[in-house]
């Protein structure tokens, strides 16, 4: 793993965001967390991550709105985003793709699937 890569984990459930951040750190990534969409956008300005693992269903601002704002902003449009969600319906998956999410993983998510998705994003980014 490239320890220079930074990942923002955004989930309104602290157990999920902190647990996933700890796993990612064990894999060699630098991580930080946010518990809602507004805090996520603030954290992005401060840390400018390489990748965001973004929950869809959150208070204050959902993940779709966060993704939309990231992609509309020239300073953040390059950041890769993997959606993590319990929403399994096709319209939600299509909406994420239309907003340029790199991947859409449905909960409960196996750690191996997250690892593969993260590695795939960084392999794509490197080429």
Foldseek 3Di string as FASTA:
>chain_A
DDLVAEEEEEALDVVVRVVVCVVVVVVRYHYDYDNALVVVVVVCVVPVGQEYAAEADHPPHGRLRSLQVQCVDPSRVNRAYEYEYQDDDPVVVVSCVVSPHQYYHYPPDDPVVVVVSVVVSVVVVVD
